[in-house]
Amino acid sequence: MSRDFKVAVSVLLVAAVGYWAFVPRGPGAADRQRSNLAVAEEEIPRVRAALDADPRFREVEMGRFTSQDGGIAIMGGVESDDDLFRLMKAVAALQLRVPVFWRVQVLPKQP
């Protein structure tokens, strides 16, 4: 085998290993995402019912999270750290079958 051939094979192997090491989702990701989004669609009404039961969460919305492998996005604002803790506890108690992606902040007090 020539030296150039060995170098070319080595470069291809390094590129292939690098690709698989740095691709965030890997093989089967599209199927996993599609499956998680379908489950998220089924779970959202349960989350909505839990949030609607507590007036402290009236500024919190949710929807399907399409990035990464898919899941439920919960976003909005609450009035205190305690409310945020209670929100996270209420959602955790639902034992959802998909990941939850949080974007909820404590809102500044209104004068």
PDB file of N, CA and C in Angstrom:
ATOM      1  N   MET A   1       0.835  -1.183   0.000  1.00  0.00           N
ATOM      2  CA  MET A   1       0.000   0.000   0.000  1.00  0.00           C
ATOM      3  C   MET A   1       0.879   1.244   0.000  1.00  0.00           C
ATOM      4  N   SER A   2       0.466   2.197  -0.760  1.00  0.00           N
ATOM      5  CA  SER A   2       1.240   3.427  -0.819  1.00  0.00           C
ATOM      6  C   SER A   2       0.986   4.292   0.408  1.00  0.00           C
ATOM      7  N   ARG A   3       1.918   5.160   0.665  1.00  0.00           N
ATOM      8  CA  ARG A   3       1.802   6.086   1.799  1.00  0.00           C
ATOM      9  C   ARG A   3       0.596   6.996   1.626  1.00  0.00           C
ATOM     10  N   ASP A   4       0.340   7.474   0.424  1.00  0.00           N
ATOM     11  CA  ASP A   4      -0.801   8.360   0.164  1.00  0.00           C
ATOM     12  C   ASP A   4      -2.127   7.662   0.457  1.00  0.00           C
ATOM     13  N   PHE A   5      -2.211   6.388   0.111  1.00  0.00           N
ATOM     14  CA  PHE A   5      -3.440   5.630   0.380  1.00  0.00           C
ATOM     15  C   PHE A   5      -3.668   5.510   1.887  1.00  0.00           C
ATOM     16  N   LYS A   6      -2.607   5.201   2.627  1.00  0.00           N
ATOM     17  CA  LYS A   6      -2.712   5.084   4.084  1.00  0.00           C
ATOM     18  C   LYS A   6      -3.130   6.411   4.716  1.00  0.00           C
ATOM     19  N   VAL A   7      -2.579   7.492   4.239  1.00  0.00           N
ATOM     20  CA  VAL A   7      -2.942   8.820   4.755  1.00  0.00           C
ATOM     21  C   VAL A   7      -4.408   9.109   4.453  1.00  0.00           C
ATOM     22  N   ALA A   8      -4.845   8.795   3.254  1.00  0.00           N
ATOM     23  CA  ALA A   8      -6.240   9.049   2.876  1.00  0.00           C
ATOM     24  C   ALA A   8      -7.191   8.229   3.737  1.00  0.00           C
ATOM     25  N   VAL A   9      -6.875   6.961   3.971  1.00  0.00           N
ATOM     26  CA  VAL A   9      -7.720   6.109   4.812  1.00  0.00           C
ATOM     27  C   VAL A   9      -7.738   6.651   6.244  1.00  0.00           C
ATOM     28  N   SER A  10      -6.583   7.058   6.751  1.00  0.00           N
ATOM     29  CA  SER A  10      -6.508   7.612   8.107  1.00  0.00           C
ATOM     30  C   SER A  10      -7.357   8.869   8.246  1.00  0.00           C
ATOM     31  N   VAL A  11      -7.285   9.732   7.268  1.00  0.00           N
ATOM     32  CA  VAL A  11      -8.072  10.969   7.300  1.00  0.00           C
ATOM     33  C   VAL A  11      -9.563  10.640   7.284  1.00  0.00           C
ATOM     34  N   LEU A  12      -9.965   9.688   6.446  1.00  0.00           N
ATOM     35  CA  LEU A  12     -11.373   9.298   6.398  1.00  0.00           C
ATOM     36  C   LEU A  12     -11.835   8.702   7.720  1.00  0.00           C
ATOM     37  N   LEU A  13     -11.008   7.874   8.346  1.00  0.00           N
ATOM     38  CA  LEU A  13     -11.371   7.287   9.640  1.00  0.00           C
ATOM     39  C   LEU A  13     -11.517   8.359  10.717  1.00  0.00           C
ATOM     40  N   VAL A  14     -10.577   9.293  10.757  1.00  0.00           N
ATOM     41  CA  VAL A  14     -10.657  10.381  11.740  1.00  0.00           C
ATOM     42  C   VAL A  14     -11.907  11.210  11.491  1.00  0.00           C
ATOM     43  N   ALA A  15     -12.221  11.497  10.246  1.00  0.00           N
ATOM     44  CA  ALA A  15     -13.418  12.274   9.921  1.00  0.00           C
ATOM     45  C   ALA A  15     -14.679  11.523  10.338  1.00  0.00           C
ATOM     46  N   ALA A  16     -14.727  10.222  10.086  1.00  0.00           N
ATOM     47  CA  ALA A  16     -15.908   9.428  10.448  1.00  0.00           C
ATOM     48  C   ALA A  16     -16.091   9.380  11.959  1.00  0.00           C
ATOM     49  N   VAL A  17     -15.003   9.129  12.689  1.00  0.00           N
ATOM     50  CA  VAL A  17     -15.086   9.093  14.157  1.00  0.00           C
ATOM     51  C   VAL A  17     -15.489  10.469  14.683  1.00  0.00           C
ATOM     52  N   GLY A  18     -14.911  11.510  14.133  1.00  0.00           N
ATOM     53  CA  GLY A  18     -15.266  12.873  14.557  1.00  0.00           C
ATOM     54  C   GLY A  18     -16.725  13.184  14.297  1.00  0.00           C
ATOM     55  N   TYR A  19     -17.227  12.741  13.161  1.00  0.00           N
ATOM     56  CA  TYR A  19     -18.635  12.975  12.837  1.00  0.00           C
ATOM     57  C   TYR A  19     -19.535  12.321  13.879  1.00  0.00           C
ATOM     58  N   TRP A  20     -19.307  11.042  14.170  1.00  0.00           N
ATOM     59  CA  TRP A  20     -20.164  10.328  15.123  1.00  0.00           C
ATOM     60  C   TRP A  20     -19.991  10.856  16.542  1.00  0.00           C
ATOM     61  N   ALA A  21     -18.804  11.365  16.872  1.00  0.00           N
ATOM     62  CA  ALA A  21     -18.575  11.885  18.225  1.00  0.00           C
ATOM     63  C   ALA A  21     -19.280  13.210  18.441  1.00  0.00           C
ATOM     64  N   PHE A  22     -19.413  14.006  17.387  1.00  0.00           N
ATOM     65  CA  PHE A  22     -19.953  15.354  17.559  1.00  0.00           C
ATOM     66  C   PHE A  22     -21.353  15.565  17.010  1.00  0.00           C
ATOM     67  N   VAL A  23     -21.929  14.560  16.367  1.00  0.00           N
ATOM     68  CA  VAL A  23     -23.318  14.677  15.944  1.00  0.00           C
ATOM     69  C   VAL A  23     -24.163  14.563  17.205  1.00  0.00           C
ATOM     70  N   PRO A  24     -24.944  15.585  17.549  1.00  0.00           N
ATOM     71  CA  PRO A  24     -25.614  15.600  18.841  1.00  0.00           C
ATOM     72  C   PRO A  24     -26.657  14.507  19.015  1.00  0.00           C
ATOM     73  N   ARG A  25     -27.242  14.004  17.948  1.00  0.00           N
ATOM     74  CA  ARG A  25     -28.360  13.080  18.128  1.00  0.00           C
ATOM     75  C   ARG A  25     -28.059  11.687  17.629  1.00  0.00           C
ATOM     76  N   GLY A  26     -27.212  11.544  16.672  1.00  0.00           N
ATOM     77  CA  GLY A  26     -26.832  10.215  16.203  1.00  0.00           C
ATOM     78  C   GLY A  26     -27.911   9.526  15.391  1.00  0.00           C
ATOM     79  N   PRO A  27     -27.673   8.264  15.074  1.00  0.00           N
ATOM     80  CA  PRO A  27     -28.618   7.511  14.247  1.00  0.00           C
ATOM     81  C   PRO A  27     -29.941   7.273  14.967  1.00  0.00           C
ATOM     82  N   GLY A  28     -31.012   7.273  14.225  1.00  0.00           N
ATOM     83  CA  GLY A  28     -32.336   7.024  14.809  1.00  0.00           C
ATOM     84  C   GLY A  28     -32.965   8.241  15.457  1.00  0.00           C
ATOM     85  N   ALA A  29     -32.307   9.390  15.370  1.00  0.00           N
ATOM     86  CA  ALA A  29     -32.796  10.583  16.050  1.00  0.00           C
ATOM     87  C   ALA A  29     -34.143  11.052  15.496  1.00  0.00           C
ATOM     88  N   ALA A  30     -34.320  10.965  14.198  1.00  0.00           N
ATOM     89  CA  ALA A  30     -35.578  11.432  13.605  1.00  0.00           C
ATOM     90  C   ALA A  30     -36.756  10.609  14.115  1.00  0.00           C
ATOM     91  N   ASP A  31     -36.572   9.299  14.218  1.00  0.00           N
ATOM     92  CA  ASP A  31     -37.642   8.441  14.740  1.00  0.00           C
ATOM     93  C   ASP A  31     -37.908   8.735  16.209  1.00  0.00           C
ATOM     94  N   ARG A  32     -36.836   8.938  16.975  1.00  0.00           N
ATOM     95  CA  ARG A  32     -36.971   9.243  18.398  1.00  0.00           C
ATOM     96  C   ARG A  32     -37.702  10.572  18.586  1.00  0.00           C
ATOM     97  N   GLN A  33     -37.336  11.568  17.789  1.00  0.00           N
ATOM     98  CA  GLN A  33     -37.988  12.870  17.890  1.00  0.00           C
ATOM     99  C   GLN A  33     -39.466  12.769  17.510  1.00  0.00           C
ATOM    100  N   ARG A  34     -39.759  12.073  16.432  1.00  0.00           N
ATOM    101  CA  ARG A  34     -41.145  11.910  15.987  1.00  0.00           C
ATOM    102  C   ARG A  34     -41.970  11.223  17.083  1.00  0.00           C
ATOM    103  N   SER A  35     -41.414  10.195  17.681  1.00  0.00           N
ATOM    104  CA  SER A  35     -42.099   9.471  18.751  1.00  0.00           C
ATOM    105  C   SER A  35     -42.317  10.366  19.977  1.00  0.00           C
ATOM    106  N   ASN A  36     -41.275  11.089  20.385  1.00  0.00           N
ATOM    107  CA  ASN A  36     -41.403  11.972  21.549  1.00  0.00           C
ATOM    108  C   ASN A  36     -42.407  13.089  21.315  1.00  0.00           C
ATOM    109  N   LEU A  37     -42.460  13.617  20.110  1.00  0.00           N
ATOM    110  CA  LEU A  37     -43.419  14.689  19.826  1.00  0.00           C
ATOM    111  C   LEU A  37     -44.851  14.165  19.865  1.00  0.00           C
ATOM    112  N   ALA A  38     -45.059  12.937  19.416  1.00  0.00           N
ATOM    113  CA  ALA A  38     -46.399  12.333  19.488  1.00  0.00           C
ATOM    114  C   ALA A  38     -46.806  12.133  20.951  1.00  0.00           C
ATOM    115  N   VAL A  39     -45.886  11.657  21.766  1.00  0.00           N
ATOM    116  CA  VAL A  39     -46.180  11.470  23.183  1.00  0.00           C
ATOM    117  C   VAL A  39     -46.403  12.824  23.856  1.00  0.00           C
ATOM    118  N   ALA A  40     -45.613  13.823  23.499  1.00  0.00           N
ATOM    119  CA  ALA A  40     -45.786  15.167  24.066  1.00  0.00           C
ATOM    120  C   ALA A  40     -47.184  15.689  23.773  1.00  0.00           C
ATOM    121  N   GLU A  41     -47.664  15.465  22.562  1.00  0.00           N
ATOM    122  CA  GLU A  41     -49.011  15.905  22.184  1.00  0.00           C
ATOM    123  C   GLU A  41     -50.060  15.251  23.081  1.00  0.00           C
ATOM    124  N   GLU A  42     -49.852  14.002  23.447  1.00  0.00           N
ATOM    125  CA  GLU A  42     -50.783  13.301  24.341  1.00  0.00           C
ATOM    126  C   GLU A  42     -50.690  13.815  25.777  1.00  0.00           C
ATOM    127  N   GLU A  43     -49.499  14.203  26.207  1.00  0.00           N
ATOM    128  CA  GLU A  43     -49.266  14.606  27.596  1.00  0.00           C
ATOM    129  C   GLU A  43     -49.647  16.057  27.884  1.00  0.00           C
ATOM    130  N   ILE A  44     -49.631  16.904  26.881  1.00  0.00           N
ATOM    131  CA  ILE A  44     -49.885  18.336  27.100  1.00  0.00           C
ATOM    132  C   ILE A  44     -51.224  18.608  27.785  1.00  0.00           C
ATOM    133  N   PRO A  45     -52.316  17.939  27.454  1.00  0.00           N
ATOM    134  CA  PRO A  45     -53.570  18.212  28.175  1.00  0.00           C
ATOM    135  C   PRO A  45     -53.476  17.935  29.682  1.00  0.00           C
ATOM    136  N   ARG A  46     -52.726  16.913  30.081  1.00  0.00           N
ATOM    137  CA  ARG A  46     -52.536  16.638  31.510  1.00  0.00           C
ATOM    138  C   ARG A  46     -51.778  17.773  32.190  1.00  0.00           C
ATOM    139  N   VAL A  47     -50.739  18.269  31.513  1.00  0.00           N
ATOM    140  CA  VAL A  47     -49.962  19.370  32.074  1.00  0.00           C
ATOM    141  C   VAL A  47     -50.829  20.616  32.151  1.00  0.00           C
ATOM    142  N   ARG A  48     -51.589  20.876  31.082  1.00  0.00           N
ATOM    143  CA  ARG A  48     -52.455  22.053  31.050  1.00  0.00           C
ATOM    144  C   ARG A  48     -53.460  22.005  32.202  1.00  0.00           C
ATOM    145  N   ALA A  49     -54.061  20.847  32.449  1.00  0.00           N
ATOM    146  CA  ALA A  49     -55.036  20.698  33.534  1.00  0.00           C
ATOM    147  C   ALA A  49     -54.383  20.976  34.886  1.00  0.00           C
ATOM    148  N   ALA A  50     -53.179  20.488  35.087  1.00  0.00           N
ATOM    149  CA  ALA A  50     -52.475  20.722  36.355  1.00  0.00           C
ATOM    150  C   ALA A  50     -52.160  22.197  36.545  1.00  0.00           C
ATOM    151  N   LEU A  51     -51.769  22.874  35.472  1.00  0.00           N
ATOM    152  CA  LEU A  51     -51.444  24.295  35.592  1.00  0.00           C
ATOM    153  C   LEU A  51     -52.690  25.155  35.741  1.00  0.00           C
ATOM    154  N   ASP A  52     -53.749  24.792  35.051  1.00  0.00           N
ATOM    155  CA  ASP A  52     -54.998  25.549  35.156  1.00  0.00           C
ATOM    156  C   ASP A  52     -55.607  25.452  36.554  1.00  0.00           C
ATOM    157  N   ALA A  53     -55.263  24.410  37.299  1.00  0.00           N
ATOM    158  CA  ALA A  53     -55.809  24.225  38.643  1.00  0.00           C
ATOM    159  C   ALA A  53     -55.205  25.200  39.652  1.00  0.00           C
ATOM    160  N   ASP A  54     -54.120  25.862  39.297  1.00  0.00           N
ATOM    161  CA  ASP A  54     -53.456  26.786  40.223  1.00  0.00           C
ATOM    162  C   ASP A  54     -53.322  28.158  39.572  1.00  0.00           C
ATOM    163  N   PRO A  55     -53.981  29.178  40.132  1.00  0.00           N
ATOM    164  CA  PRO A  55     -53.947  30.511  39.510  1.00  0.00           C
ATOM    165  C   PRO A  55     -52.546  31.138  39.477  1.00  0.00           C
ATOM    166  N   ARG A  56     -51.622  30.640  40.278  1.00  0.00           N
ATOM    167  CA  ARG A  56     -50.260  31.189  40.255  1.00  0.00           C
ATOM    168  C   ARG A  56     -49.554  30.906  38.937  1.00  0.00           C
ATOM    169  N   PHE A  57     -50.071  29.959  38.170  1.00  0.00           N
ATOM    170  CA  PHE A  57     -49.410  29.562  36.928  1.00  0.00           C
ATOM    171  C   PHE A  57     -50.118  30.100  35.689  1.00  0.00           C
ATOM    172  N   ARG A  58     -50.889  31.150  35.847  1.00  0.00           N
ATOM    173  CA  ARG A  58     -51.675  31.675  34.721  1.00  0.00           C
ATOM    174  C   ARG A  58     -50.796  32.274  33.610  1.00  0.00           C
ATOM    175  N   GLU A  59     -49.566  32.634  33.934  1.00  0.00           N
ATOM    176  CA  GLU A  59     -48.657  33.210  32.932  1.00  0.00           C
ATOM    177  C   GLU A  59     -47.729  32.154  32.319  1.00  0.00           C
ATOM    178  N   VAL A  60     -48.017  30.894  32.554  1.00  0.00           N
ATOM    179  CA  VAL A  60     -47.163  29.811  32.054  1.00  0.00           C
ATOM    180  C   VAL A  60     -47.860  29.121  30.885  1.00  0.00           C
ATOM    181  N   GLU A  61     -47.130  28.963  29.808  1.00  0.00           N
ATOM    182  CA  GLU A  61     -47.646  28.306  28.607  1.00  0.00           C
ATOM    183  C   GLU A  61     -46.825  27.051  28.334  1.00  0.00           C
ATOM    184  N   MET A  62     -47.304  26.246  27.426  1.00  0.00           N
ATOM    185  CA  MET A  62     -46.554  25.064  27.046  1.00  0.00           C
ATOM    186  C   MET A  62     -46.841  24.687  25.609  1.00  0.00           C
ATOM    187  N   GLY A  63     -45.999  23.843  25.101  1.00  0.00           N
ATOM    188  CA  GLY A  63     -46.170  23.342  23.750  1.00  0.00           C
ATOM    189  C   GLY A  63     -45.147  22.259  23.491  1.00  0.00           C
ATOM    190  N   ARG A  64     -45.144  21.782  22.268  1.00  0.00           N
ATOM    191  CA  ARG A  64     -44.170  20.755  21.896  1.00  0.00           C
ATOM    192  C   ARG A  64     -42.814  21.421  21.693  1.00  0.00           C
ATOM    193  N   PHE A  65     -41.768  20.769  22.150  1.00  0.00           N
ATOM    194  CA  PHE A  65     -40.405  21.247  21.969  1.00  0.00           C
ATOM    195  C   PHE A  65     -39.782  20.408  20.870  1.00  0.00           C
ATOM    196  N   THR A  66     -39.493  21.026  19.738  1.00  0.00           N
ATOM    197  CA  THR A  66     -39.070  20.254  18.573  1.00  0.00           C
ATOM    198  C   THR A  66     -37.566  20.084  18.454  1.00  0.00           C
ATOM    199  N   SER A  67     -36.784  20.779  19.234  1.00  0.00           N
ATOM    200  CA  SER A  67     -35.334  20.618  19.173  1.00  0.00           C
ATOM    201  C   SER A  67     -34.910  19.355  19.905  1.00  0.00           C
ATOM    202  N   GLN A  68     -33.667  19.015  19.726  1.00  0.00           N
ATOM    203  CA  GLN A  68     -33.082  17.818  20.322  1.00  0.00           C
ATOM    204  C   GLN A  68     -33.954  16.616  19.991  1.00  0.00           C
ATOM    205  N   ASP A  69     -34.362  15.836  20.972  1.00  0.00           N
ATOM    206  CA  ASP A  69     -35.169  14.650  20.687  1.00  0.00           C
ATOM    207  C   ASP A  69     -36.656  14.903  20.872  1.00  0.00           C
ATOM    208  N   GLY A  70     -37.055  16.150  21.074  1.00  0.00           N
ATOM    209  CA  GLY A  70     -38.457  16.474  21.243  1.00  0.00           C
ATOM    210  C   GLY A  70     -38.921  16.289  22.677  1.00  0.00           C
ATOM    211  N   GLY A  71     -39.983  16.965  23.009  1.00  0.00           N
ATOM    212  CA  GLY A  71     -40.535  16.888  24.357  1.00  0.00           C
ATOM    213  C   GLY A  71     -41.558  17.987  24.564  1.00  0.00           C
ATOM    214  N   ILE A  72     -41.695  18.419  25.815  1.00  0.00           N
ATOM    215  CA  ILE A  72     -42.639  19.476  26.155  1.00  0.00           C
ATOM    216  C   ILE A  72     -41.848  20.691  26.616  1.00  0.00           C
ATOM    217  N   ALA A  73     -42.184  21.849  26.076  1.00  0.00           N
ATOM    218  CA  ALA A  73     -41.577  23.109  26.503  1.00  0.00           C
ATOM    219  C   ALA A  73     -42.556  23.807  27.438  1.00  0.00           C
ATOM    220  N   ILE A  74     -42.052  24.215  28.583  1.00  0.00           N
ATOM    221  CA  ILE A  74     -42.858  24.986  29.529  1.00  0.00           C
ATOM    222  C   ILE A  74     -42.167  26.330  29.667  1.00  0.00           C
ATOM    223  N   MET A  75     -42.920  27.406  29.381  1.00  0.00           N
ATOM    224  CA  MET A  75     -42.315  28.732  29.368  1.00  0.00           C
ATOM    225  C   MET A  75     -43.260  29.767  29.943  1.00  0.00           C
ATOM    226  N   GLY A  76     -42.705  30.859  30.389  1.00  0.00           N
ATOM    227  CA  GLY A  76     -43.511  31.944  30.934  1.00  0.00           C
ATOM    228  C   GLY A  76     -42.906  32.487  32.200  1.00  0.00           C
ATOM    229  N   GLY A  77     -43.777  32.971  33.086  1.00  0.00           N
ATOM    230  CA  GLY A  77     -43.281  33.580  34.306  1.00  0.00           C
ATOM    231  C   GLY A  77     -44.177  33.300  35.494  1.00  0.00           C
ATOM    232  N   VAL A  78     -43.563  33.329  36.655  1.00  0.00           N
ATOM    233  CA  VAL A  78     -44.271  33.191  37.926  1.00  0.00           C
ATOM    234  C   VAL A  78     -43.829  34.344  38.821  1.00  0.00           C
ATOM    235  N   GLU A  79     -44.533  34.541  39.947  1.00  0.00           N
ATOM    236  CA  GLU A  79     -44.264  35.704  40.786  1.00  0.00           C
ATOM    237  C   GLU A  79     -43.161  35.523  41.819  1.00  0.00           C
ATOM    238  N   SER A  80     -42.817  34.278  42.163  1.00  0.00           N
ATOM    239  CA  SER A  80     -41.815  34.079  43.216  1.00  0.00           C
ATOM    240  C   SER A  80     -41.050  32.780  42.983  1.00  0.00           C
ATOM    241  N   ASP A  81     -39.926  32.669  43.704  1.00  0.00           N
ATOM    242  CA  ASP A  81     -39.147  31.433  43.657  1.00  0.00           C
ATOM    243  C   ASP A  81     -39.980  30.268  44.182  1.00  0.00           C
ATOM    244  N   ASP A  82     -40.798  30.526  45.187  1.00  0.00           N
ATOM    245  CA  ASP A  82     -41.665  29.481  45.736  1.00  0.00           C
ATOM    246  C   ASP A  82     -42.657  28.990  44.681  1.00  0.00           C
ATOM    247  N   ASP A  83     -43.211  29.917  43.911  1.00  0.00           N
ATOM    248  CA  ASP A  83     -44.136  29.524  42.839  1.00  0.00           C
ATOM    249  C   ASP A  83     -43.424  28.680  41.785  1.00  0.00           C
ATOM    250  N   LEU A  84     -42.193  29.042  41.473  1.00  0.00           N
ATOM    251  CA  LEU A  84     -41.427  28.273  40.494  1.00  0.00           C
ATOM    252  C   LEU A  84     -41.174  26.857  41.023  1.00  0.00           C
ATOM    253  N   PHE A  85     -40.818  26.760  42.297  1.00  0.00           N
ATOM    254  CA  PHE A  85     -40.614  25.453  42.907  1.00  0.00           C
ATOM    255  C   PHE A  85     -41.896  24.632  42.852  1.00  0.00           C
ATOM    256  N   ARG A  86     -43.027  25.246  43.185  1.00  0.00           N
ATOM    257  CA  ARG A  86     -44.309  24.530  43.166  1.00  0.00           C
ATOM    258  C   ARG A  86     -44.682  24.094  41.748  1.00  0.00           C
ATOM    259  N   LEU A  87     -44.394  24.944  40.782  1.00  0.00           N
ATOM    260  CA  LEU A  87     -44.653  24.592  39.379  1.00  0.00           C
ATOM    261  C   LEU A  87     -43.835  23.369  38.976  1.00  0.00           C
ATOM    262  N   MET A  88     -42.554  23.403  39.280  1.00  0.00           N
ATOM    263  CA  MET A  88     -41.691  22.282  38.906  1.00  0.00           C
ATOM    264  C   MET A  88     -42.111  21.004  39.646  1.00  0.00           C
ATOM    265  N   LYS A  89     -42.524  21.150  40.880  1.00  0.00           N
ATOM    266  CA  LYS A  89     -42.974  19.998  41.658  1.00  0.00           C
ATOM    267  C   LYS A  89     -44.270  19.422  41.071  1.00  0.00           C
ATOM    268  N   ALA A  90     -45.189  20.307  40.664  1.00  0.00           N
ATOM    269  CA  ALA A  90     -46.460  19.859  40.079  1.00  0.00           C
ATOM    270  C   ALA A  90     -46.215  19.104  38.776  1.00  0.00           C
ATOM    271  N   VAL A  91     -45.301  19.601  37.959  1.00  0.00           N
ATOM    272  CA  VAL A  91     -44.996  18.938  36.681  1.00  0.00           C
ATOM    273  C   VAL A  91     -44.276  17.617  36.935  1.00  0.00           C
ATOM    274  N   ALA A  92     -43.356  17.601  37.881  1.00  0.00           N
ATOM    275  CA  ALA A  92     -42.639  16.354  38.199  1.00  0.00           C
ATOM    276  C   ALA A  92     -43.604  15.283  38.696  1.00  0.00           C
ATOM    277  N   ALA A  93     -44.633  15.688  39.437  1.00  0.00           N
ATOM    278  CA  ALA A  93     -45.600  14.725  39.972  1.00  0.00           C
ATOM    279  C   ALA A  93     -46.391  14.034  38.862  1.00  0.00           C
ATOM    280  N   LEU A  94     -46.454  14.636  37.689  1.00  0.00           N
ATOM    281  CA  LEU A  94     -47.178  14.040  36.565  1.00  0.00           C
ATOM    282  C   LEU A  94     -46.413  12.860  35.957  1.00  0.00           C
ATOM    283  N   GLN A  95     -45.147  12.740  36.246  1.00  0.00           N
ATOM    284  CA  GLN A  95     -44.302  11.672  35.709  1.00  0.00           C
ATOM    285  C   GLN A  95     -44.474  11.541  34.188  1.00  0.00           C
ATOM    286  N   LEU A  96     -44.181  12.626  33.505  1.00  0.00           N
ATOM    287  CA  LEU A  96     -44.331  12.682  32.056  1.00  0.00           C
ATOM    288  C   LEU A  96     -43.386  11.692  31.376  1.00  0.00           C
ATOM    289  N   ARG A  97     -43.807  11.217  30.228  1.00  0.00           N
ATOM    290  CA  ARG A  97     -43.048  10.209  29.480  1.00  0.00           C
ATOM    291  C   ARG A  97     -42.059  10.811  28.495  1.00  0.00           C
ATOM    292  N   VAL A  98     -41.945  12.124  28.467  1.00  0.00           N
ATOM    293  CA  VAL A  98     -41.002  12.805  27.575  1.00  0.00           C
ATOM    294  C   VAL A  98     -40.241  13.859  28.374  1.00  0.00           C
ATOM    295  N   PRO A  99     -39.099  14.303  27.861  1.00  0.00           N
ATOM    296  CA  PRO A  99     -38.345  15.348  28.552  1.00  0.00           C
ATOM    297  C   PRO A  99     -39.125  16.659  28.607  1.00  0.00           C
ATOM    298  N   VAL A 100     -38.861  17.433  29.646  1.00  0.00           N
ATOM    299  CA  VAL A 100     -39.449  18.761  29.792  1.00  0.00           C
ATOM    300  C   VAL A 100     -38.324  19.778  29.658  1.00  0.00           C
ATOM    301  N   PHE A 101     -38.538  20.780  28.832  1.00  0.00           N
ATOM    302  CA  PHE A 101     -37.570  21.843  28.613  1.00  0.00           C
ATOM    303  C   PHE A 101     -38.147  23.113  29.227  1.00  0.00           C
ATOM    304  N   TRP A 102     -37.429  23.659  30.201  1.00  0.00           N
ATOM    305  CA  TRP A 102     -37.932  24.781  30.998  1.00  0.00           C
ATOM    306  C   TRP A 102     -37.411  26.110  30.495  1.00  0.00           C
ATOM    307  N   ARG A 103     -38.307  27.077  30.454  1.00  0.00           N
ATOM    308  CA  ARG A 103     -37.953  28.467  30.161  1.00  0.00           C
ATOM    309  C   ARG A 103     -38.919  29.341  30.975  1.00  0.00           C
ATOM    310  N   VAL A 104     -38.902  29.156  32.287  1.00  0.00           N
ATOM    311  CA  VAL A 104     -39.790  29.879  33.197  1.00  0.00           C
ATOM    312  C   VAL A 104     -38.915  30.748  34.093  1.00  0.00           C
ATOM    313  N   GLN A 105     -39.317  31.992  34.259  1.00  0.00           N
ATOM    314  CA  GLN A 105     -38.551  32.889  35.100  1.00  0.00           C
ATOM    315  C   GLN A 105     -39.439  33.527  36.160  1.00  0.00           C
ATOM    316  N   VAL A 106     -38.803  33.988  37.217  1.00  0.00           N
ATOM    317  CA  VAL A 106     -39.517  34.723  38.253  1.00  0.00           C
ATOM    318  C   VAL A 106     -39.625  36.168  37.755  1.00  0.00           C
ATOM    319  N   LEU A 107     -40.849  36.647  37.644  1.00  0.00           N
ATOM    320  CA  LEU A 107     -41.104  37.982  37.116  1.00  0.00           C
ATOM    321  C   LEU A 107     -40.889  39.020  38.205  1.00  0.00           C
ATOM    322  N   PRO A 108     -40.373  40.200  37.836  1.00  0.00           N
ATOM    323  CA  PRO A 108     -40.213  41.251  38.834  1.00  0.00           C
ATOM    324  C   PRO A 108     -41.571  41.715  39.357  1.00  0.00           C
ATOM    325  N   LYS A 109     -41.582  42.125  40.603  1.00  0.00           N
ATOM    326  CA  LYS A 109     -42.829  42.611  41.219  1.00  0.00           C
ATOM    327  C   LYS A 109     -43.305  43.878  40.497  1.00  0.00           C
ATOM    328  N   GLN A 110     -44.610  43.940  40.283  1.00  0.00           N
ATOM    329  CA  GLN A 110     -45.215  45.127  39.656  1.00  0.00           C
ATOM    330  C   GLN A 110     -45.456  46.174  40.743  1.00  0.00           C
ATOM    331  N   PRO A 111     -45.117  47.438  40.486  1.00  0.00           N
ATOM    332  CA  PRO A 111     -45.337  48.491  41.513  1.00  0.00           C
ATOM    333  C   PRO A 111     -46.808  48.792  41.734  1.00  0.00           C
TER     334      PRO A 111
END
